Amino acid sequence: MPSPAWRVAIGSIFAESSHFLTTRIDRSYFENTYIYERNDLFKLAGTDCEIAGALTICESEKAEVVPLVAARSVSGGPVTDECYDDLKNLLLAPLREALPVDGVILPLHGAMTTLSDDDPEGDLIFSVRQIVGKSVPIIVTLDLHAHVTQKMVENADAIIGFTHYPHDDTFTTGQRSADLLFKILRGEARPVTVMAKVPVICSGINGMTFGDAPMAHLTRQARELEKQPEILSVSIFHVQPSIDIPGMGSGGLVIANGDIEIAEHEARKLAEDYWARRHDFEPEIITVSEAVRRGREIDGGPVLLVDTADCVGGGAAGDSVALLERLLELGITEPTFLMVIDPEAALSCAQAGIGQQLALDLGYKIDPSWGDSIKVEGTVRHLLDGKFRYRSGIYGGTIGNMGLSAVLQIGAIQILIMSRPTYDWLDEQFRAAGLDARDAKFIGVKNPMNYNFAYRDVAKAAFVVDTPGPTPPTLRRMPFKRLARPFFPVDEDIPGLQPAILKTSL
């Protein structure tokens, strides 16, 4: 007999928050990426995101897809309550109208907060559960930097995390989520979930899932576990370190087929191994002057100056000029590319025009809590509307929009001045501005990981520099208020530590 025509609802609200910012994510942040309501969700087919992957499996299963909403934002501060309530309604209203459905797929981030809720994604999953009932499977996908909560585990039938960092597996993550959903619907799987976490709160710099990095070892263990017939899925989570919430931690989430004891046993082992490798997650950090000295000793370029403290992808404002200021003090003479978000300065450059010289105050206009603007003089070399297409990864195939942007040359430094924050995947922003990495000796990159992909074919070296900002390379000095000690790296040893256990309610 032919399989039934299952009806699968798909919806997503994807944002990542930081509590060390004065900015807030409102609807404009999502609109600058995308909000696709109802049937417009199908515009994501053919891209690299989770929804696109899930759609391919639904098509192969001849399932009817019920589109809810797909909303994605670049990272920032907490989401405003009004924005969250609006987007939540855009997801839940069409779900209520579409009942009954046989299953739900929810691609989320896992580290979104709102001004009044530490766990809006847990709330969203719970709200979906209230609508569809206990018997309808809900499959959730999360960024591997999620803060997994008991509310998420209780209300989702399965949680599947990204397996790669940098995140180039979003499409296949969507496919894995849909594959598991159809196994459940066919009666081939009865998932039970256990998350075990330890208090490791580190930046993502050594969190890559390739090579000899600690996260790579844990990831390979996860893939080996998935070869066991009783294991349905294993995810390793390296918690987003820029949120300030009780109960944060990193570790392993194991989904077993009906056997919660196996799931808990394997999740504990992964968390204990995570703790044993904790020191390997802390990076070497050097001063800007030392990075320049080492870079000058290297033949050719580019040499990457990793200014991760101002990472837009981690929630920072992207408006820091700390690296620029230090390079100017050092009297840098080598060709150098930098970037900053400063809509006021971008407009001033546009009004002056290409080839014109001007003086302006640059930087720290969005989040001045981390520094002061600096006075610079330069020549406008290029103007652009700021639109570009992501070539792959989490936003692959979609359009990014930096807004009105300009390239200002200050001596040997060419700085891309943007009006809006956009996620750094490869070097799409520099390319859109006509800046070729092969022409630079030094490049300032404001992300902790993706530069490994963006410049892997050209970079001669990369140095993590010590600069101020809300997404620093180490969390040792961050002003946590709600995250209770002990936690690594502030506390290097915690005698008698036992992993915290979150699990399916049976």
Protein backbone atom coordinates (compact mmCIF):
# COMPACT_ATOMS: atom_id res chain seq x y z
CA MET A 1 0.00 0.00 0.00
CA PRO A 2 1.21 3.55 -0.71
CA SER A 3 2.38 5.57 2.29
CA PRO A 4 -0.10 8.14 3.63
CA ALA A 5 0.18 11.74 2.47
CA TRP A 6 1.60 13.15 5.66
CA ARG A 7 1.14 16.83 6.43
CA VAL A 8 4.26 18.46 7.88
CA ALA A 9 4.28 21.99 9.28
CA ILE A 10 7.57 23.91 9.00
CA GLY A 11 8.36 27.20 10.73
CA SER A 12 11.41 29.02 12.01
CA ILE A 13 12.35 32.05 14.12
CA PHE A 14 16.14 32.22 14.15
CA ALA A 15 18.15 34.78 16.11
CA GLU A 16 21.08 34.77 18.53
CA SER A 17 21.31 37.17 21.45
CA SER A 18 24.04 38.71 23.59
CA HIS A 19 23.48 40.23 27.02
CA PHE A 20 26.59 42.40 26.83
CA LEU A 21 25.11 44.87 24.33
CA THR A 22 22.99 47.97 24.50
CA THR A 23 21.36 47.12 21.14
CA ARG A 24 18.04 45.27 20.81
CA ILE A 25 16.79 43.01 18.01
CA ASP A 26 13.53 44.37 16.64
CA ARG A 27 11.58 43.52 13.52
CA SER A 28 13.94 45.60 11.34
CA TYR A 29 16.77 43.17 12.12
CA PHE A 30 14.72 40.31 10.71
CA GLU A 31 13.49 42.34 7.76
CA ASN A 32 17.12 43.09 6.85
CA THR A 33 17.59 39.31 6.42
CA TYR A 34 14.16 37.82 5.72
CA ILE A 35 10.66 37.22 7.02
CA TYR A 36 8.83 34.80 4.74
CA GLU A 37 5.21 34.30 5.77
CA ARG A 38 3.16 31.26 4.80
CA ASN A 39 3.72 30.28 1.13
CA ASP A 40 6.62 32.71 0.80
CA LEU A 41 8.57 30.23 2.95
CA PHE A 42 9.05 28.17 -0.22
CA LYS A 43 11.34 30.93 -1.54
CA LEU A 44 14.02 29.28 0.60
CA ALA A 45 13.96 26.14 -1.57
CA GLY A 46 17.30 25.88 -3.33
CA THR A 47 19.22 27.79 -0.65
CA ASP A 48 21.55 26.25 1.94
CA CYS A 49 19.41 26.69 5.07
CA GLU A 50 17.77 24.06 7.24
CA ILE A 51 14.31 24.63 5.77
CA ALA A 52 15.64 23.98 2.25
CA GLY A 53 17.09 20.66 3.40
CA ALA A 54 13.87 19.64 5.12
CA LEU A 55 11.85 20.53 2.02
CA THR A 56 13.87 18.11 -0.12
CA ILE A 57 13.06 15.19 2.21
CA CYS A 58 9.39 16.16 2.41
CA GLU A 59 9.29 16.18 -1.38
CA SER A 60 10.88 12.74 -1.63
CA GLU A 61 8.36 11.44 0.91
CA LYS A 62 5.52 13.06 -1.06
CA ALA A 63 4.45 14.85 2.10
CA GLU A 64 2.35 18.00 2.06
CA VAL A 65 4.26 20.91 3.60
CA VAL A 66 2.30 23.41 5.68
CA PRO A 67 4.40 26.61 5.60
CA LEU A 68 4.23 28.75 8.75
CA VAL A 69 6.85 31.52 8.83
CA ALA A 70 10.61 31.66 8.26
CA ALA A 71 12.26 34.61 9.99
CA ARG A 72 16.01 35.09 10.36
CA SER A 73 18.05 37.87 11.96
CA VAL A 74 21.69 38.67 12.31
CA SER A 75 22.81 38.36 15.94
CA GLY A 76 22.30 41.22 18.38
CA GLY A 77 21.06 42.01 21.85
CA PRO A 78 17.89 40.51 23.32
CA VAL A 79 14.84 40.48 21.06
CA THR A 80 12.17 43.01 21.98
CA ASP A 81 9.02 41.50 23.45
CA GLU A 82 6.91 43.13 20.75
CA CYS A 83 9.04 41.62 17.98
CA TYR A 84 8.99 38.14 19.52
CA ASP A 85 5.23 38.22 20.11
CA ASP A 86 4.66 39.35 16.52
CA LEU A 87 6.83 36.62 15.00
CA LYS A 88 5.45 33.98 17.37
CA ASN A 89 1.93 34.82 16.20
CA LEU A 90 3.06 34.58 12.56
CA LEU A 91 4.19 31.02 13.29
CA LEU A 92 1.34 29.84 15.50
CA ALA A 93 -1.66 31.35 13.67
CA PRO A 94 -1.22 29.36 10.42
CA LEU A 95 -0.46 26.24 12.48
CA ARG A 96 -3.82 26.53 14.27
CA GLU A 97 -5.58 27.06 10.94
CA ALA A 98 -3.88 24.04 9.36
CA LEU A 99 -4.77 21.41 11.95
CA PRO A 100 -4.51 18.52 11.92
CA VAL A 101 -0.85 18.01 11.00
CA ASP A 102 1.21 14.85 11.33
CA GLY A 103 4.49 16.46 12.33
CA VAL A 104 6.30 19.77 12.89
CA ILE A 105 9.86 20.85 12.03
CA LEU A 106 11.20 23.93 13.83
CA PRO A 107 14.65 25.22 12.85
CA LEU A 108 15.70 27.54 15.71
CA HIS A 109 18.99 28.91 17.02
CA GLY A 110 18.82 28.00 20.69
CA ALA A 111 20.52 31.12 22.11
CA MET A 112 17.80 33.69 21.49
CA THR A 113 16.57 35.68 24.47
CA THR A 114 13.96 38.40 24.79
CA LEU A 115 13.82 41.31 27.19
CA SER A 116 11.51 39.35 29.49
CA ASP A 117 12.24 35.68 28.73
CA ASP A 118 15.52 33.74 28.99
CA ASP A 119 14.10 30.86 26.95
CA PRO A 120 11.74 32.07 24.21
CA GLU A 121 12.60 29.06 22.05
CA GLY A 122 11.50 26.77 24.85
CA ASP A 123 8.33 28.84 25.02
CA LEU A 124 7.85 28.53 21.26
CA ILE A 125 8.25 24.74 21.29
CA PHE A 126 5.87 24.50 24.28
CA SER A 127 3.31 26.69 22.46
CA VAL A 128 3.49 24.47 19.38
CA ARG A 129 3.05 21.41 21.61
CA GLN A 130 -0.07 22.94 23.18
CA ILE A 131 -1.57 23.36 19.71
CA VAL A 132 -0.70 20.02 18.09
CA GLY A 133 -1.06 17.79 21.16
CA LYS A 134 1.15 15.13 22.69
CA SER A 135 1.04 12.60 19.86
CA VAL A 136 2.34 14.81 17.02
CA PRO A 137 6.15 14.67 16.74
CA ILE A 138 8.03 17.99 16.92
CA ILE A 139 11.60 17.98 15.59
CA VAL A 140 13.78 20.96 16.46
CA THR A 141 17.10 21.90 14.90
CA LEU A 142 19.54 24.12 16.78
CA ASP A 143 22.81 25.89 16.13
CA LEU A 144 25.59 24.01 17.92
CA HIS A 145 26.04 27.16 20.05
CA ALA A 146 22.60 26.72 21.59
CA HIS A 147 21.78 27.00 25.28
CA VAL A 148 19.73 23.81 25.57
CA THR A 149 17.07 23.96 28.30
CA GLN A 150 14.83 21.48 30.06
CA LYS A 151 11.79 23.14 28.50
CA MET A 152 13.19 22.46 25.03
CA VAL A 153 13.98 18.83 25.84
CA GLU A 154 10.57 18.22 27.46
CA ASN A 155 8.49 19.59 24.61
CA ALA A 156 10.42 18.47 21.52
CA ASP A 157 10.47 14.84 20.42
CA ALA A 158 14.00 15.36 19.12
CA ILE A 159 16.64 18.11 19.05
CA ILE A 160 19.25 17.97 16.31
CA GLY A 161 22.25 20.32 16.34
CA PHE A 162 24.51 21.47 13.55
CA THR A 163 27.52 19.16 13.28
CA HIS A 164 29.97 21.61 11.68
CA TYR A 165 31.65 24.82 12.80
CA PRO A 166 32.02 26.83 10.63
CA HIS A 167 28.37 26.16 9.89
CA ASP A 168 28.38 24.68 6.38
CA ASP A 169 25.96 21.84 7.17
CA THR A 170 22.69 23.69 7.70
CA PHE A 171 21.10 22.08 4.63
CA THR A 172 22.01 18.56 5.73
CA THR A 173 20.85 19.36 9.28
CA GLY A 174 17.43 20.12 7.84
CA GLN A 175 17.52 16.85 5.95
CA ARG A 176 18.43 14.91 9.10
CA SER A 177 15.56 16.50 11.00
CA ALA A 178 13.03 15.50 8.34
CA ASP A 179 14.51 12.01 8.02
CA LEU A 180 14.00 11.42 11.73
CA LEU A 181 10.47 12.82 11.61
CA PHE A 182 9.45 10.32 8.92
CA LYS A 183 11.07 7.45 10.83
CA ILE A 184 8.87 8.38 13.79
CA LEU A 185 5.77 8.61 11.60
CA ARG A 186 6.49 5.18 10.12
CA GLY A 187 6.87 3.71 13.61
CA GLU A 188 10.59 3.00 13.11
CA ALA A 189 11.79 5.30 15.90
CA ARG A 190 10.68 6.20 19.43
CA PRO A 191 13.12 8.95 20.46
CA VAL A 192 14.16 9.65 24.04
CA THR A 193 16.53 12.52 24.72
CA VAL A 194 19.19 13.29 27.33
CA MET A 195 21.41 16.39 27.44
CA ALA A 196 24.40 16.35 29.79
CA LYS A 197 26.26 19.63 30.26
CA VAL A 198 29.30 20.89 32.14
CA PRO A 199 30.10 24.55 32.98
CA VAL A 200 32.52 25.29 30.12
CA ILE A 201 31.93 28.83 28.82
CA CYS A 202 34.49 29.53 26.11
CA SER A 203 34.61 31.52 22.88
CA GLY A 204 34.30 29.73 19.56
CA ILE A 205 37.89 30.31 18.43
CA ASN A 206 39.02 26.75 19.18
CA GLY A 207 35.56 25.33 18.62
CA MET A 208 36.11 24.17 15.04
CA THR A 209 34.87 20.70 14.19
CA PHE A 210 37.81 19.80 11.98
CA GLY A 211 41.47 18.95 12.50
CA ASP A 212 42.87 18.38 16.00
CA ALA A 213 40.62 20.85 17.85
CA PRO A 214 38.83 19.65 21.02
CA MET A 215 35.43 20.09 19.39
CA ALA A 216 36.60 18.00 16.43
CA HIS A 217 37.43 15.07 18.74
CA LEU A 218 34.01 15.31 20.40
CA THR A 219 32.28 15.57 17.03
CA ARG A 220 34.00 12.44 15.77
CA GLN A 221 32.87 10.60 18.91
CA ALA A 222 29.31 11.71 18.16
CA ARG A 223 29.47 10.34 14.62
CA GLU A 224 30.82 7.02 15.92
CA LEU A 225 27.98 6.77 18.45
CA GLU A 226 25.44 7.28 15.69
CA LYS A 227 26.64 4.06 14.08
CA GLN A 228 25.10 2.13 16.99
CA PRO A 229 21.64 0.83 16.03
CA GLU A 230 20.05 2.05 19.28
CA ILE A 231 21.28 5.64 18.81
CA LEU A 232 19.21 7.93 16.57
CA SER A 233 21.20 11.17 16.81
CA VAL A 234 24.04 12.78 18.78
CA SER A 235 24.75 16.50 19.02
CA ILE A 236 27.60 18.36 20.70
CA PHE A 237 26.73 21.84 22.02
CA HIS A 238 29.29 24.56 22.74
CA VAL A 239 27.10 27.12 24.45
CA GLN A 240 26.92 30.70 23.15
CA PRO A 241 29.13 32.46 25.72
CA SER A 242 27.70 35.98 25.37
CA ILE A 243 24.40 35.29 27.08
CA ASP A 244 24.18 35.68 30.86
CA ILE A 245 21.74 33.02 32.05
CA PRO A 246 21.74 30.54 34.94
CA GLY A 247 22.43 26.93 34.02
CA MET A 248 24.61 27.56 30.99
CA GLY A 249 26.97 24.82 29.91
CA SER A 250 28.37 22.74 27.09
CA GLY A 251 28.18 19.02 26.45
CA GLY A 252 26.44 16.25 24.57
CA LEU A 253 22.83 15.51 23.64
CA VAL A 254 21.98 11.92 22.81
CA ILE A 255 18.72 10.66 21.30
CA ALA A 256 18.22 6.93 21.72
CA ASN A 257 15.52 4.69 20.27
CA GLY A 258 13.34 4.06 23.30
CA ASP A 259 16.18 3.44 25.79
CA ILE A 260 16.73 6.45 28.04
CA GLU A 261 19.42 4.67 30.10
CA ILE A 262 21.64 4.33 27.02
CA ALA A 263 20.99 7.97 26.13
CA GLU A 264 21.97 9.16 29.62
CA HIS A 265 25.04 6.94 29.79
CA GLU A 266 26.45 8.20 26.49
CA ALA A 267 25.52 11.83 27.14
CA ARG A 268 27.35 11.73 30.50
CA LYS A 269 30.45 10.30 28.86
CA LEU A 270 30.47 13.07 26.24
CA ALA A 271 30.06 15.78 28.89
CA GLU A 272 32.85 14.32 31.00
CA ASP A 273 35.14 14.24 27.98
CA TYR A 274 34.17 17.83 27.22
CA TRP A 275 35.28 18.83 30.72
CA ALA A 276 38.54 16.90 30.36
CA ARG A 277 39.34 18.88 27.18
CA ARG A 278 38.31 22.28 28.58
CA HIS A 279 41.80 23.83 28.56
CA ASP A 280 42.12 23.17 24.83
CA PHE A 281 39.22 25.54 24.14
CA GLU A 282 41.13 28.62 25.39
CA PRO A 283 43.08 30.37 22.58
CA GLU A 284 46.41 32.18 22.48
CA ILE A 285 45.74 35.93 22.56
CA ILE A 286 48.37 38.55 21.69
CA THR A 287 48.56 42.32 21.42
CA VAL A 288 47.99 44.05 18.10
CA SER A 289 51.60 45.23 18.04
CA GLU A 290 52.87 41.68 18.56
CA ALA A 291 50.59 40.39 15.80
CA VAL A 292 51.92 43.03 13.41
CA ARG A 293 55.51 42.19 14.39
CA ARG A 294 54.95 38.50 13.72
CA GLY A 295 53.06 39.25 10.52
CA ARG A 296 55.91 41.34 9.17
CA GLU A 297 58.24 38.39 9.61
CA ILE A 298 56.05 36.33 7.26
CA ASP A 299 56.65 36.46 3.53
CA GLY A 300 53.66 37.90 1.69
CA GLY A 301 50.10 38.05 2.87
CA PRO A 302 47.42 38.27 3.83
CA VAL A 303 47.98 37.92 7.56
CA LEU A 304 44.70 37.88 9.48
CA LEU A 305 44.22 39.98 12.61
CA VAL A 306 41.33 38.22 14.35
CA ASP A 307 39.31 40.94 16.11
CA THR A 308 36.70 38.55 17.45
CA ALA A 309 35.64 40.86 20.30
CA ASP A 310 33.48 42.77 17.79
CA CYS A 311 31.84 39.78 16.07
CA VAL A 312 28.46 40.65 14.54
CA GLY A 313 27.80 36.92 14.13
CA GLY A 314 28.04 36.62 17.92
CA GLY A 315 25.87 39.64 18.64
CA ALA A 316 28.36 42.52 18.76
CA ALA A 317 27.50 45.84 17.13
CA GLY A 318 30.37 45.67 14.62
CA ASP A 319 31.17 49.33 15.32
CA SER A 320 34.54 48.90 17.03
CA VAL A 321 37.53 50.87 15.74
CA ALA A 322 39.90 49.58 18.43
CA LEU A 323 41.99 47.66 15.88
CA LEU A 324 42.05 50.62 13.47
CA GLU A 325 43.14 52.98 16.22
CA ARG A 326 46.00 50.71 17.29
CA LEU A 327 47.19 50.18 13.69
CA LEU A 328 47.23 53.95 13.12
CA GLU A 329 49.27 54.37 16.31
CA LEU A 330 51.72 51.77 15.00
CA GLY A 331 52.05 53.71 11.74
CA ILE A 332 51.12 50.73 9.57
CA THR A 333 52.44 51.10 6.02
CA GLU A 334 51.41 47.75 4.53
CA PRO A 335 48.10 47.47 2.58
CA THR A 336 45.42 46.65 5.15
CA PHE A 337 41.68 45.92 4.95
CA LEU A 338 39.33 46.59 7.87
CA MET A 339 35.57 46.97 8.35
CA VAL A 340 33.22 48.87 10.66
CA ILE A 341 29.51 49.60 10.95
CA ASP A 342 28.86 53.35 11.09
CA PRO A 343 25.83 54.56 9.09
CA GLU A 344 26.58 58.20 9.82
CA ALA A 345 30.12 57.90 8.44
CA ALA A 346 28.91 55.93 5.39
CA LEU A 347 26.46 58.72 4.57
CA SER A 348 29.20 61.35 4.97
CA CYS A 349 31.38 59.45 2.49
CA ALA A 350 28.51 59.21 0.01
CA GLN A 351 27.79 62.92 0.30
CA ALA A 352 31.48 63.74 -0.27
CA GLY A 353 31.74 61.43 -3.31
CA ILE A 354 34.38 59.12 -4.77
CA GLY A 355 37.86 60.63 -4.85
CA GLN A 356 37.06 63.25 -2.24
CA GLN A 357 38.92 63.71 1.01
CA LEU A 358 37.09 64.20 4.29
CA ALA A 359 37.54 64.14 8.04
CA LEU A 360 35.06 62.37 10.28
CA ASP A 361 34.49 60.75 13.64
CA LEU A 362 34.45 57.00 13.08
CA GLY A 363 33.16 54.09 15.12
CA TYR A 364 31.32 53.31 18.36
CA LYS A 365 28.12 55.04 17.24
CA ILE A 366 25.86 52.02 17.89
CA ASP A 367 27.24 50.63 21.16
CA PRO A 368 29.53 53.27 22.72
CA SER A 369 29.89 51.29 25.95
CA TRP A 370 33.01 49.62 24.52
CA GLY A 371 34.94 52.69 23.29
CA ASP A 372 34.96 56.18 21.80
CA SER A 373 34.86 57.35 18.20
CA ILE A 374 38.18 58.36 16.69
CA LYS A 375 38.94 61.25 14.33
CA VAL A 376 40.24 60.13 10.93
CA GLU A 377 40.98 61.71 7.58
CA GLY A 378 40.83 59.77 4.35
CA THR A 379 39.81 59.55 0.72
CA VAL A 380 36.60 57.93 -0.51
CA ARG A 381 37.61 55.11 -2.89
CA HIS A 382 34.33 53.31 -3.48
CA LEU A 383 30.59 53.60 -2.82
CA LEU A 384 28.02 50.78 -2.97
CA ASP A 385 24.43 50.01 -2.05
CA GLY A 386 25.64 47.15 0.15
CA LYS A 387 23.76 44.22 -1.39
CA PHE A 388 25.54 40.93 -1.97
CA ARG A 389 24.73 37.23 -2.25
CA TYR A 390 26.02 34.68 0.25
CA ARG A 391 27.87 31.93 -1.57
CA SER A 392 27.26 29.12 0.95
CA GLY A 393 26.80 28.38 4.63
CA ILE A 394 24.00 29.31 6.98
CA TYR A 395 22.72 32.08 4.67
CA GLY A 396 23.85 30.46 1.42
CA GLY A 397 21.95 31.61 -1.66
CA THR A 398 20.21 34.50 0.14
CA ILE A 399 20.88 38.23 -0.22
CA GLY A 400 22.78 40.17 2.43
CA ASN A 401 22.39 43.92 2.77
CA MET A 402 25.03 46.14 4.37
CA GLY A 403 23.05 49.22 3.41
CA LEU A 404 24.79 52.29 2.01
CA SER A 405 28.52 51.52 2.28
CA ALA A 406 31.83 53.11 1.42
CA VAL A 407 35.52 52.31 1.25
CA LEU A 408 37.58 55.02 2.92
CA GLN A 409 41.36 54.96 2.47
CA ILE A 410 43.32 56.18 5.48
CA GLY A 411 46.98 55.95 4.52
CA ALA A 412 47.70 52.29 3.79
CA ILE A 413 44.40 51.19 5.34
CA GLN A 414 41.20 50.70 3.35
CA ILE A 415 38.23 50.46 5.67
CA LEU A 416 34.82 49.23 4.56
CA ILE A 417 32.24 51.41 6.32
CA MET A 418 28.80 49.76 6.40
CA SER A 419 25.39 51.00 7.52
CA ARG A 420 23.90 47.67 8.67
CA PRO A 421 25.21 44.54 10.37
CA THR A 422 25.51 41.39 8.25
CA TYR A 423 26.80 37.94 9.10
CA ASP A 424 30.41 37.24 8.06
CA TRP A 425 30.53 33.93 6.21
CA LEU A 426 33.30 34.13 3.62
CA ASP A 427 34.61 37.47 2.35
CA GLU A 428 31.42 38.51 0.55
CA GLN A 429 31.37 42.00 2.12
CA PHE A 430 34.93 42.85 1.05
CA ARG A 431 34.34 41.37 -2.41
CA ALA A 432 31.20 43.47 -2.87
CA ALA A 433 33.33 46.54 -2.13
CA GLY A 434 35.97 45.56 -4.69
CA LEU A 435 38.56 44.54 -2.08
CA ASP A 436 40.56 41.42 -3.02
CA ALA A 437 42.25 39.64 -0.12
CA ARG A 438 45.28 38.89 -2.27
CA ASP A 439 46.06 42.61 -2.40
CA ALA A 440 46.41 43.00 1.38
CA LYS A 441 49.22 42.33 3.81
CA PHE A 442 46.90 42.54 6.84
CA ILE A 443 43.15 41.91 7.07
CA GLY A 444 41.07 42.55 10.17
CA VAL A 445 38.43 39.83 10.53
CA LYS A 446 35.64 40.20 13.06
CA ASN A 447 34.63 36.59 13.61
CA PRO A 448 36.10 33.78 15.69
CA MET A 449 35.91 30.97 13.15
CA ASN A 450 34.64 31.57 9.61
CA TYR A 451 37.89 33.18 8.49
CA ASN A 452 39.23 29.64 8.40
CA PHE A 453 37.00 29.06 5.37
CA ALA A 454 37.00 32.58 3.93
CA TYR A 455 40.76 32.87 3.56
CA ARG A 456 41.99 29.29 3.73
CA ASP A 457 43.44 29.40 0.20
CA VAL A 458 45.31 32.70 0.62
CA ALA A 459 46.04 33.49 4.28
CA LYS A 460 49.62 33.08 5.46
CA ALA A 461 48.78 33.27 9.18
CA ALA A 462 46.10 34.31 11.67
CA PHE A 463 46.61 35.92 15.08
CA VAL A 464 43.91 36.45 17.71
CA VAL A 465 44.33 40.01 19.00
CA ASP A 466 43.40 41.46 22.38
CA THR A 467 40.74 44.11 21.77
CA PRO A 468 37.70 45.28 23.79
CA GLY A 469 34.19 44.13 22.97
CA PRO A 470 31.22 41.97 23.94
CA THR A 471 32.39 38.81 22.08
CA PRO A 472 35.98 38.44 23.36
CA PRO A 473 38.33 35.51 22.70
CA THR A 474 38.20 34.56 26.38
CA LEU A 475 35.38 34.92 28.89
CA ARG A 476 37.69 35.32 31.88
CA ARG A 477 36.98 39.04 32.22
CA MET A 478 33.35 39.27 31.14
CA PRO A 479 30.97 40.85 33.68
CA PHE A 480 28.54 37.96 34.16
CA LYS A 481 25.86 38.76 36.73
CA ARG A 482 23.42 35.85 36.51
CA LEU A 483 25.68 32.98 35.47
CA ALA A 484 26.66 31.46 38.79
CA ARG A 485 30.17 30.29 39.53
CA PRO A 486 31.94 27.98 39.35
CA PHE A 487 32.55 27.82 35.60
CA PHE A 488 35.57 27.39 33.37
CA PRO A 489 37.76 29.30 32.52
CA VAL A 490 37.27 31.52 35.60
CA ASP A 491 37.44 28.38 37.75
CA GLU A 492 39.93 25.97 36.23
CA ASP A 493 39.18 23.06 38.54
CA ILE A 494 35.86 22.13 40.16
CA PRO A 495 36.29 19.20 42.56
CA GLY A 496 33.50 16.64 42.46
CA LEU A 497 31.92 18.09 39.33
CA GLN A 498 29.00 16.08 37.95
CA PRO A 499 27.30 16.89 34.62
CA ALA A 500 23.87 18.52 34.81
CA ILE A 501 21.26 16.23 33.23
CA LEU A 502 18.25 17.34 31.19
CA LYS A 503 16.04 14.57 29.84
CA THR A 504 12.78 13.54 28.27
CA SER A 505 9.90 13.23 30.70
CA LEU A 506 8.67 9.63 30.46
